[in-house]
Amino acid sequence: MSTNYYMLFNAQITTVPLLAQPQAVFLIILILMCRQYNFHAIETAADVLTDPKFTFPIANVTASVGREAFLTCVVQDLGSYKVAWLRVDTQTILTIQNHVITKNQRIGITNSEHKTWTMRIKDIKESDKGWYMCQINTDPMKSQMGYLDVVGSNVTLKCAATGSPEPTIIWRRENGVSIELANTTEVLYVEGTNLILPRVKRQHMGAYLCIASNGVPPSVSKRITLIVHFPPMITVQNQLIGAVEGKGVILECQSEAFPKSINYWTREKGEIVPPGGKFIANVTEMGEYRNSMKLYINPLSMTEFGAYRCVAKNSLGDTDGTIKLYRIPSNTVNYVENFDSNRYKGKKRIKSSELYQQSKITANSVDGEENENPGKRKDLMMFNEIENLYNSKTTAIGVYNVRTCQLQRYLGLLTTVLLCYMINRSYQLQ
């Protein structure tokens, strides 16, 4: 066949001008492609026409800490396309076809007949919990997801006591917190020699008291401490914080880990925030495995705005949380800061004694009488107040109540009732 193509190629060159016959040019190119690639291009084109499909959904899996978990993805008519496994929450590619991409040595991949793709996770950790995606690189991409739930292993605490009469044993937590049993049932104490804690998690960590009593004082107790190892976890309450250039700000994360984690801060490009100067970082212990991470920045310049990451690492893994620090214009903050102080601008709040003095000055300035008797000044102030209440349709109810209390101070109770009636009547008419 190659010889015939070669003869045809020569014949085309010797008998027909190349530019005069476009069909000949196409034929020559086709012959060269067939000779060079041995029809691989044609075979690939045929494979691309396949339409792979998922045969079954990915079954959700529950596994205990330290055990193995298997997630299976079944694909029909895969052809030349490829299958990949990804971790959804971190957008991490774990495997592509039969190759493990992640550096996590606990991940493995196997396939059967180019249809069943099974990802294995060994030595399950609590941090492995989450959604996993099986993906086919079609256009558009096809995918399906399955969930891996990780539970702790069961732990049994044992305690025995002797005495006459035979003692009774109860279990309590030293800090007074409820004991979580099966089916998320919570109790304050458990009676019996054995305390079974199913699917232990970090919340079970702490000291437990085994208390024995038989009615003959005193009771005796023993303290047993339960330690649960788990990789770090970080919680960020405020992921978006605004601050003013030239002022200070505090960024805060809360971390949980055991063994105790190493905590530090980095910028968005991964560089570690240097301690000292305008940066002060500290870690405060909040419990047996909880910590509060704070980063103080003062004063802020334009270079300090951006994303910060609080990082926690221990022997079981690492994690981080992100806080975005953005700039607020100083004039905006001034408006907010001065809002309450300007709210009553021109309406200064004064004591009743000050009000009397102001009214005294007003009365003198209006009438021009310097030696007025106190009774006349009081009456003049009272009628000025009443006139203001009648003439102002926008007087607030709070001001109305204040005025009423002030009038009650200067007049008797009966007069005040009559005035209140007149004022209410006025509001109804308005």
Protein backbone atom coordinates (compact mmCIF):
# COMPACT_ATOMS: atom_id res chain seq x y z
CA MET A 1 0.00 0.00 0.00
CA SER A 2 2.80 2.41 0.77
CA THR A 3 4.35 1.82 -2.63
CA ASN A 4 1.08 2.55 -4.44
CA TYR A 5 0.63 5.80 -2.49
CA TYR A 6 4.18 6.77 -3.38
CA MET A 7 3.59 6.07 -7.11
CA LEU A 8 0.37 8.07 -7.03
CA PHE A 9 2.18 10.89 -5.29
CA ASN A 10 4.85 10.90 -8.05
CA ALA A 11 2.27 10.72 -10.79
CA GLN A 12 0.46 13.75 -9.43
CA ILE A 13 3.68 15.74 -9.40
CA THR A 14 4.78 14.85 -12.93
CA THR A 15 1.51 15.10 -14.81
CA VAL A 16 -0.57 17.80 -13.08
CA PRO A 17 0.52 21.29 -11.99
CA LEU A 18 0.20 21.41 -8.20
CA LEU A 19 -1.47 24.81 -7.93
CA ALA A 20 -3.88 24.09 -10.74
CA GLN A 21 -5.51 21.09 -8.99
CA PRO A 22 -6.61 21.73 -5.37
CA GLN A 23 -7.97 18.20 -5.14
CA ALA A 24 -4.49 16.85 -5.76
CA VAL A 25 -3.06 18.95 -2.91
CA PHE A 26 -5.66 17.55 -0.50
CA LEU A 27 -4.94 14.00 -1.65
CA ILE A 28 -1.20 14.44 -1.17
CA ILE A 29 -1.67 15.77 2.36
CA LEU A 30 -3.99 12.87 3.20
CA ILE A 31 -1.46 10.35 1.86
CA LEU A 32 1.34 11.88 3.90
CA MET A 33 -0.78 11.82 7.06
CA CYS A 34 -1.69 8.18 6.53
CA ARG A 35 1.92 7.17 5.92
CA GLN A 36 3.26 9.10 8.92
CA TYR A 37 0.65 8.26 11.58
CA ASN A 38 -0.42 4.83 10.36
CA PHE A 39 -4.10 5.81 10.63
CA HIS A 40 -3.81 6.76 14.32
CA ALA A 41 -5.55 10.05 13.65
CA ILE A 42 -8.53 8.28 12.14
CA GLU A 43 -8.72 5.89 15.11
CA THR A 44 -8.57 8.79 17.59
CA ALA A 45 -11.33 10.62 15.78
CA ALA A 46 -13.50 7.56 16.09
CA ASP A 47 -12.83 7.35 19.83
CA VAL A 48 -13.72 10.99 20.40
CA LEU A 49 -17.18 10.31 19.08
CA THR A 50 -17.96 8.12 22.11
CA ASP A 51 -20.28 9.50 24.76
CA PRO A 52 -19.23 8.22 28.21
CA LYS A 53 -21.87 7.93 30.93
CA PHE A 54 -21.96 7.15 34.63
CA THR A 55 -23.57 3.79 35.18
CA PHE A 56 -24.27 4.10 38.89
CA PRO A 57 -24.17 6.98 41.41
CA ILE A 58 -21.30 7.05 43.89
CA ALA A 59 -22.40 5.45 47.13
CA ASN A 60 -21.85 7.46 50.31
CA VAL A 61 -19.35 5.80 52.65
CA THR A 62 -18.95 5.84 56.44
CA ALA A 63 -15.62 4.78 57.89
CA SER A 64 -14.02 4.80 61.33
CA VAL A 65 -10.82 6.65 62.13
CA GLY A 66 -7.78 4.47 61.31
CA ARG A 67 -9.67 2.20 58.90
CA GLU A 68 -9.88 2.20 55.07
CA ALA A 69 -12.51 3.74 52.81
CA PHE A 70 -13.33 2.95 49.17
CA LEU A 71 -15.16 5.28 46.78
CA THR A 72 -16.21 3.72 43.47
CA CYS A 73 -17.07 5.42 40.16
CA VAL A 74 -18.48 3.30 37.30
CA VAL A 75 -18.23 4.70 33.75
CA GLN A 76 -19.61 3.27 30.50
CA ASP A 77 -18.08 3.92 27.04
CA LEU A 78 -15.11 5.89 28.36
CA GLY A 79 -13.16 5.64 25.10
CA SER A 80 -10.11 7.92 25.05
CA TYR A 81 -11.45 10.16 27.81
CA LYS A 82 -9.93 10.13 31.29
CA VAL A 83 -11.36 9.76 34.78
CA ALA A 84 -10.14 11.88 37.68
CA TRP A 85 -10.93 12.01 41.41
CA LEU A 86 -11.00 15.38 43.19
CA ARG A 87 -11.52 16.63 46.76
CA VAL A 88 -14.42 19.09 46.45
CA ASP A 89 -13.83 21.44 49.39
CA THR A 90 -10.17 22.06 48.58
CA GLN A 91 -10.45 21.64 44.78
CA THR A 92 -7.49 19.23 44.95
CA ILE A 93 -6.87 16.73 42.12
CA LEU A 94 -6.20 13.36 43.74
CA THR A 95 -5.92 10.94 40.79
CA ILE A 96 -6.05 10.93 36.97
CA GLN A 97 -6.62 7.54 35.36
CA ASN A 98 -4.20 5.16 37.12
CA HIS A 99 -1.88 7.91 38.36
CA VAL A 100 -1.99 9.35 41.89
CA ILE A 101 -1.45 13.12 41.64
CA THR A 102 -1.68 14.17 45.28
CA LYS A 103 1.30 13.83 47.60
CA ASN A 104 -0.93 12.13 50.15
CA GLN A 105 0.51 8.62 50.30
CA ARG A 106 -2.70 7.26 51.83
CA ILE A 107 -4.51 7.69 48.49
CA GLY A 108 -4.57 4.87 45.90
CA ILE A 109 -6.45 4.16 42.64
CA THR A 110 -7.42 0.95 40.82
CA ASN A 111 -9.61 0.22 37.80
CA SER A 112 -11.37 -2.82 36.42
CA GLU A 113 -11.95 -3.26 32.67
CA HIS A 114 -11.55 0.46 32.12
CA LYS A 115 -15.00 0.92 33.69
CA THR A 116 -14.82 0.76 37.47
CA TRP A 117 -12.53 3.34 39.06
CA THR A 118 -12.03 2.84 42.81
CA MET A 119 -10.19 5.30 45.02
CA ARG A 120 -8.86 3.93 48.30
CA ILE A 121 -8.05 6.05 51.35
CA LYS A 122 -5.99 4.27 54.00
CA ASP A 123 -5.62 5.16 57.68
CA ILE A 124 -8.72 7.37 57.68
CA LYS A 125 -8.45 10.65 59.56
CA GLU A 126 -11.18 13.02 60.68
CA SER A 127 -9.95 15.59 58.16
CA ASP A 128 -10.79 13.17 55.30
CA LYS A 129 -14.49 13.76 55.89
CA GLY A 130 -16.22 15.54 53.01
CA TRP A 131 -17.36 15.40 49.38
CA TYR A 132 -15.34 13.70 46.62
CA MET A 133 -15.93 14.13 42.87
CA CYS A 134 -15.45 11.65 40.03
CA GLN A 135 -14.92 13.63 36.82
CA ILE A 136 -14.74 12.80 33.08
CA ASN A 137 -12.88 15.31 30.89
CA THR A 138 -15.62 15.65 28.27
CA ASP A 139 -16.75 19.00 26.90
CA PRO A 140 -18.74 19.98 28.86
CA MET A 141 -17.26 18.10 31.78
CA LYS A 142 -19.30 15.33 33.41
CA SER A 143 -19.09 14.62 37.13
CA GLN A 144 -20.78 13.06 40.13
CA MET A 145 -20.04 13.23 43.83
CA GLY A 146 -20.02 10.98 46.88
CA TYR A 147 -19.68 11.76 50.58
CA LEU A 148 -17.21 10.22 53.01
CA ASP A 149 -18.29 10.39 56.65
CA VAL A 150 -15.64 9.71 59.26
CA VAL A 151 -16.56 8.54 62.73
CA GLY A 152 -14.41 7.81 65.74
CA SER A 153 -13.73 4.42 67.13
CA ASN A 154 -15.46 3.23 70.30
CA VAL A 155 -13.71 3.74 73.65
CA THR A 156 -14.49 1.92 76.90
CA LEU A 157 -13.43 3.29 80.27
CA LYS A 158 -13.40 0.68 83.06
CA CYS A 159 -13.50 1.11 86.82
CA ALA A 160 -13.94 -1.39 89.66
CA ALA A 161 -14.39 -1.04 93.42
CA THR A 162 -14.84 -3.31 96.42
CA GLY A 163 -16.55 -2.80 99.74
CA SER A 164 -19.29 -3.99 102.04
CA PRO A 165 -22.02 -3.45 101.07
CA GLU A 166 -20.97 -3.69 97.42
CA PRO A 167 -20.43 -0.17 96.10
CA THR A 168 -22.26 1.46 93.23
CA ILE A 169 -20.20 3.17 90.51
CA ILE A 170 -21.22 6.22 88.54
CA TRP A 171 -19.32 8.19 85.88
CA ARG A 172 -19.29 11.98 85.52
CA ARG A 173 -17.27 14.50 83.54
CA GLU A 174 -15.02 16.60 85.73
CA ASN A 175 -16.05 19.86 84.06
CA GLY A 176 -19.76 19.10 84.51
CA VAL A 177 -20.46 18.80 80.77
CA SER A 178 -22.94 16.12 79.66
CA ILE A 179 -21.65 12.74 78.47
CA GLU A 180 -22.57 12.01 74.84
CA LEU A 181 -23.65 8.40 74.26
CA ALA A 182 -25.03 6.49 71.28
CA ASN A 183 -27.59 8.23 69.04
CA THR A 184 -26.32 11.61 70.34
CA THR A 185 -28.03 11.01 73.69
CA GLU A 186 -26.60 13.25 76.42
CA VAL A 187 -26.70 12.44 80.13
CA LEU A 188 -25.10 13.96 83.23
CA TYR A 189 -23.91 10.62 84.60
CA VAL A 190 -23.71 6.92 83.72
CA GLU A 191 -24.04 4.09 86.23
CA GLY A 192 -21.93 0.93 85.87
CA THR A 193 -18.36 -0.30 85.88
CA ASN A 194 -17.90 0.39 82.14
CA LEU A 195 -18.39 3.71 80.37
CA ILE A 196 -18.73 3.14 76.60
CA LEU A 197 -18.16 6.19 74.40
CA PRO A 198 -19.18 5.41 70.80
CA ARG A 199 -17.51 7.05 67.82
CA VAL A 200 -15.19 9.15 69.90
CA LYS A 201 -14.54 12.68 68.65
CA ARG A 202 -12.66 15.68 69.96
CA GLN A 203 -15.61 16.81 72.11
CA HIS A 204 -15.18 13.65 74.22
CA MET A 205 -11.70 14.72 75.30
CA GLY A 206 -11.30 15.56 78.96
CA ALA A 207 -11.27 14.14 82.48
CA TYR A 208 -13.85 11.60 83.69
CA LEU A 209 -14.52 10.74 87.34
CA CYS A 210 -15.30 7.19 88.49
CA ILE A 211 -17.14 7.61 91.80
CA ALA A 212 -17.81 4.61 94.09
CA SER A 213 -20.19 4.76 97.06
CA ASN A 214 -22.07 2.22 99.21
CA GLY A 215 -23.78 4.42 101.76
CA VAL A 216 -20.86 4.29 104.16
CA PRO A 217 -18.96 7.61 103.99
CA PRO A 218 -16.78 8.67 102.45
CA SER A 219 -17.22 8.01 98.74
CA VAL A 220 -14.05 7.46 96.71
CA SER A 221 -13.25 8.53 93.16
CA LYS A 222 -10.62 8.07 90.52
CA ARG A 223 -9.81 10.43 87.67
CA ILE A 224 -9.30 9.14 84.12
CA THR A 225 -8.22 11.48 81.33
CA LEU A 226 -9.31 10.72 77.76
CA ILE A 227 -7.12 12.19 75.00
CA VAL A 228 -8.28 12.26 71.38
CA HIS A 229 -5.75 12.99 68.65
CA PHE A 230 -7.05 14.90 65.63
CA PRO A 231 -5.69 17.27 62.96
CA PRO A 232 -6.15 21.03 63.29
CA MET A 233 -9.44 22.77 62.61
CA ILE A 234 -9.86 26.55 62.22
CA THR A 235 -12.93 28.73 62.64
CA VAL A 236 -13.06 32.34 61.36
CA GLN A 237 -15.91 34.45 62.71
CA ASN A 238 -15.30 37.52 60.52
CA GLN A 239 -13.86 36.72 57.10
CA LEU A 240 -14.21 40.29 55.81
CA ILE A 241 -12.93 43.18 57.92
CA GLY A 242 -12.79 46.86 57.02
CA ALA A 243 -10.31 49.28 58.55
CA VAL A 244 -9.02 52.83 58.11
CA GLU A 245 -5.55 53.62 56.89
CA GLY A 246 -3.44 55.01 59.71
CA LYS A 247 -5.39 53.24 62.45
CA GLY A 248 -5.14 49.77 64.00
CA VAL A 249 -7.05 46.52 63.50
CA ILE A 250 -7.27 43.06 65.10
CA LEU A 251 -7.65 39.84 63.07
CA GLU A 252 -8.79 36.73 64.95
CA CYS A 253 -9.13 32.99 64.29
CA GLN A 254 -9.94 30.08 66.60
CA SER A 255 -8.07 26.80 66.19
CA GLU A 256 -8.63 23.31 67.59
CA ALA A 257 -5.98 20.60 67.51
CA PHE A 258 -4.35 17.81 69.48
CA PRO A 259 -1.44 17.34 69.76
CA LYS A 260 -0.98 21.05 70.26
CA SER A 261 -0.60 22.88 66.97
CA ILE A 262 1.93 25.40 65.73
CA ASN A 263 0.07 28.60 64.87
CA TYR A 264 1.21 31.48 62.66
CA TRP A 265 -0.01 34.05 60.13
CA THR A 266 0.82 34.45 56.44
CA ARG A 267 -0.07 36.89 53.67
CA GLU A 268 -2.07 35.88 50.58
CA LYS A 269 1.07 34.91 48.62
CA GLY A 270 2.30 32.63 51.38
CA GLU A 271 4.93 34.83 53.03
CA ILE A 272 4.93 34.58 56.83
CA VAL A 273 3.91 37.74 58.67
CA PRO A 274 7.08 38.87 60.50
CA PRO A 275 6.65 39.46 64.25
CA GLY A 276 7.59 42.83 65.66
CA GLY A 277 7.14 46.35 64.43
CA LYS A 278 3.54 47.04 63.51
CA PHE A 279 2.64 43.30 63.70
CA ILE A 280 1.96 41.61 67.05
CA ALA A 281 0.71 38.00 67.05
CA ASN A 282 -0.33 36.03 70.11
CA VAL A 283 -2.09 32.77 70.91
CA THR A 284 -4.38 32.37 73.93
CA GLU A 285 -5.42 28.93 75.21
CA MET A 286 -9.19 28.65 75.60
CA GLY A 287 -9.37 25.03 76.72
CA GLU A 288 -7.73 21.65 76.43
CA TYR A 289 -7.46 21.82 72.65
CA ARG A 290 -8.83 25.27 71.70
CA ASN A 291 -6.78 28.37 70.98
CA SER A 292 -7.51 31.94 69.98
CA MET A 293 -5.12 33.42 67.40
CA LYS A 294 -4.95 37.21 67.16
CA LEU A 295 -2.93 39.45 64.88
CA TYR A 296 -2.64 43.12 65.83
CA ILE A 297 -1.68 45.54 63.05
CA ASN A 298 -1.02 49.17 64.02
CA PRO A 299 -0.80 51.53 62.24
CA LEU A 300 -2.20 50.39 58.89
CA SER A 301 -0.68 51.53 55.60
CA MET A 302 -1.77 50.67 52.06
CA THR A 303 0.64 47.72 51.91
CA GLU A 304 -1.09 46.00 54.85
CA PHE A 305 -4.47 45.67 53.14
CA GLY A 306 -5.25 42.35 51.48
CA ALA A 307 -5.77 38.72 52.50
CA TYR A 308 -4.31 37.09 55.61
CA ARG A 309 -4.23 33.39 56.49
CA CYS A 310 -4.17 31.95 59.99
CA VAL A 311 -2.37 28.59 59.83
CA ALA A 312 -2.40 25.71 62.32
CA LYS A 313 -0.18 22.60 61.99
CA ASN A 314 0.43 19.48 64.04
CA SER A 315 1.72 15.96 63.37
CA LEU A 316 -1.63 14.86 61.95
CA GLY A 317 -2.10 17.61 59.38
CA ASP A 318 -2.58 21.31 58.82
CA THR A 319 -5.32 23.76 57.88
CA ASP A 320 -5.85 27.49 57.49
CA GLY A 321 -8.51 30.18 57.43
CA THR A 322 -8.59 33.37 55.35
CA ILE A 323 -9.49 36.92 56.39
CA LYS A 324 -9.81 39.71 53.84
CA LEU A 325 -8.76 43.12 55.17
CA TYR A 326 -10.06 45.97 53.02
CA ARG A 327 -9.65 49.74 53.22
CA ILE A 328 -12.46 52.05 54.34
CA PRO A 329 -12.23 55.75 53.36
CA SER A 330 -11.54 57.86 56.41
CA ASN A 331 -14.42 60.27 55.69
CA THR A 332 -16.87 57.36 55.77
CA VAL A 333 -15.65 56.29 59.18
CA ASN A 334 -15.79 59.85 60.46
CA TYR A 335 -19.42 60.00 59.46
CA VAL A 336 -20.18 56.77 61.28
CA GLU A 337 -18.19 57.75 64.35
CA ASN A 338 -19.81 61.18 64.53
CA PHE A 339 -23.31 59.95 63.77
CA ASP A 340 -24.42 59.64 67.39
CA SER A 341 -22.73 62.85 68.47
CA ASN A 342 -24.35 64.82 65.63
CA ARG A 343 -27.72 63.21 66.06
CA TYR A 344 -28.82 65.87 68.52
CA LYS A 345 -26.88 68.73 66.98
CA GLY A 346 -28.68 71.95 67.88
CA LYS A 347 -30.78 70.02 70.42
CA LYS A 348 -28.50 69.71 73.37
CA ARG A 349 -29.83 67.52 76.14
CA ILE A 350 -29.94 69.45 79.40
CA LYS A 351 -30.93 68.85 82.99
CA SER A 352 -34.14 70.29 84.37
CA SER A 353 -32.16 72.70 86.54
CA GLU A 354 -30.35 73.97 83.45
CA LEU A 355 -33.70 74.31 81.70
CA TYR A 356 -34.90 76.58 84.51
CA GLN A 357 -31.85 78.79 84.15
CA GLN A 358 -32.26 78.98 80.35
CA SER A 359 -35.92 79.86 80.71
CA LYS A 360 -35.01 82.54 83.21
CA ILE A 361 -32.60 84.12 80.76
CA THR A 362 -35.14 83.89 77.93
CA ALA A 363 -37.85 85.53 80.00
CA ASN A 364 -35.57 88.40 80.94
CA SER A 365 -34.48 88.96 77.39
CA VAL A 366 -38.03 89.00 76.07
CA ASP A 367 -39.65 91.26 78.61
CA GLY A 368 -36.58 93.27 79.47
CA GLU A 369 -37.49 93.05 83.13
CA GLU A 370 -34.42 92.44 85.28
CA ASN A 371 -36.15 92.15 88.69
CA GLU A 372 -39.02 89.86 87.88
CA ASN A 373 -40.40 87.74 90.69
CA PRO A 374 -39.78 83.95 90.49
CA GLY A 375 -43.46 83.13 90.15
CA LYS A 376 -43.81 85.25 87.04
CA ARG A 377 -40.68 83.69 85.53
CA LYS A 378 -42.07 80.23 86.19
CA ASP A 379 -45.40 81.07 84.55
CA LEU A 380 -43.72 82.59 81.53
CA MET A 381 -41.54 79.51 81.06
CA MET A 382 -44.60 77.25 81.39
CA PHE A 383 -46.58 79.08 78.69
CA ASN A 384 -43.54 79.13 76.38
CA GLU A 385 -43.37 75.37 76.72
CA ILE A 386 -47.09 74.97 76.00
CA GLU A 387 -46.87 77.25 72.98
CA ASN A 388 -43.96 75.27 71.58
CA LEU A 389 -45.88 72.04 71.98
CA TYR A 390 -48.95 73.42 70.19
CA ASN A 391 -47.03 75.05 67.35
CA SER A 392 -44.73 72.13 66.54
CA LYS A 393 -46.45 69.36 64.59
CA THR A 394 -43.20 67.38 64.43
CA THR A 395 -42.65 67.19 68.18
CA ALA A 396 -41.58 63.62 69.04
CA ILE A 397 -43.44 61.57 71.62
CA GLY A 398 -40.24 61.35 73.65
CA VAL A 399 -40.00 65.16 73.77
CA TYR A 400 -43.66 65.33 74.68
CA ASN A 401 -43.08 63.03 77.66
CA VAL A 402 -40.07 65.08 78.77
CA ARG A 403 -42.05 68.27 78.59
CA THR A 404 -44.87 66.70 80.59
CA CYS A 405 -42.47 65.65 83.32
CA GLN A 406 -40.99 69.12 83.40
CA LEU A 407 -44.43 70.72 83.67
CA GLN A 408 -45.31 68.35 86.48
CA ARG A 409 -42.35 69.68 88.40
CA TYR A 410 -43.56 73.26 88.16
CA LEU A 411 -47.29 72.72 88.53
CA GLY A 412 -49.50 70.65 90.68
CA LEU A 413 -50.75 67.25 89.59
CA LEU A 414 -54.26 68.50 88.71
CA THR A 415 -52.97 71.26 86.46
CA THR A 416 -50.69 68.78 84.69
CA VAL A 417 -53.61 66.44 83.98
CA LEU A 418 -55.54 69.32 82.41
CA LEU A 419 -52.59 70.32 80.29
CA CYS A 420 -52.07 66.71 79.13
CA TYR A 421 -55.71 66.59 78.09
CA MET A 422 -55.33 69.82 76.12
CA ILE A 423 -52.17 68.56 74.42
CA ASN A 424 -53.71 65.19 73.48
CA ARG A 425 -56.76 66.99 72.15
CA SER A 426 -54.53 69.20 70.07
CA TYR A 427 -52.74 66.18 68.56
CA GLN A 428 -56.08 64.59 67.68
CA LEU A 429 -57.22 67.74 65.93
CA GLN A 430 -53.99 67.95 63.97
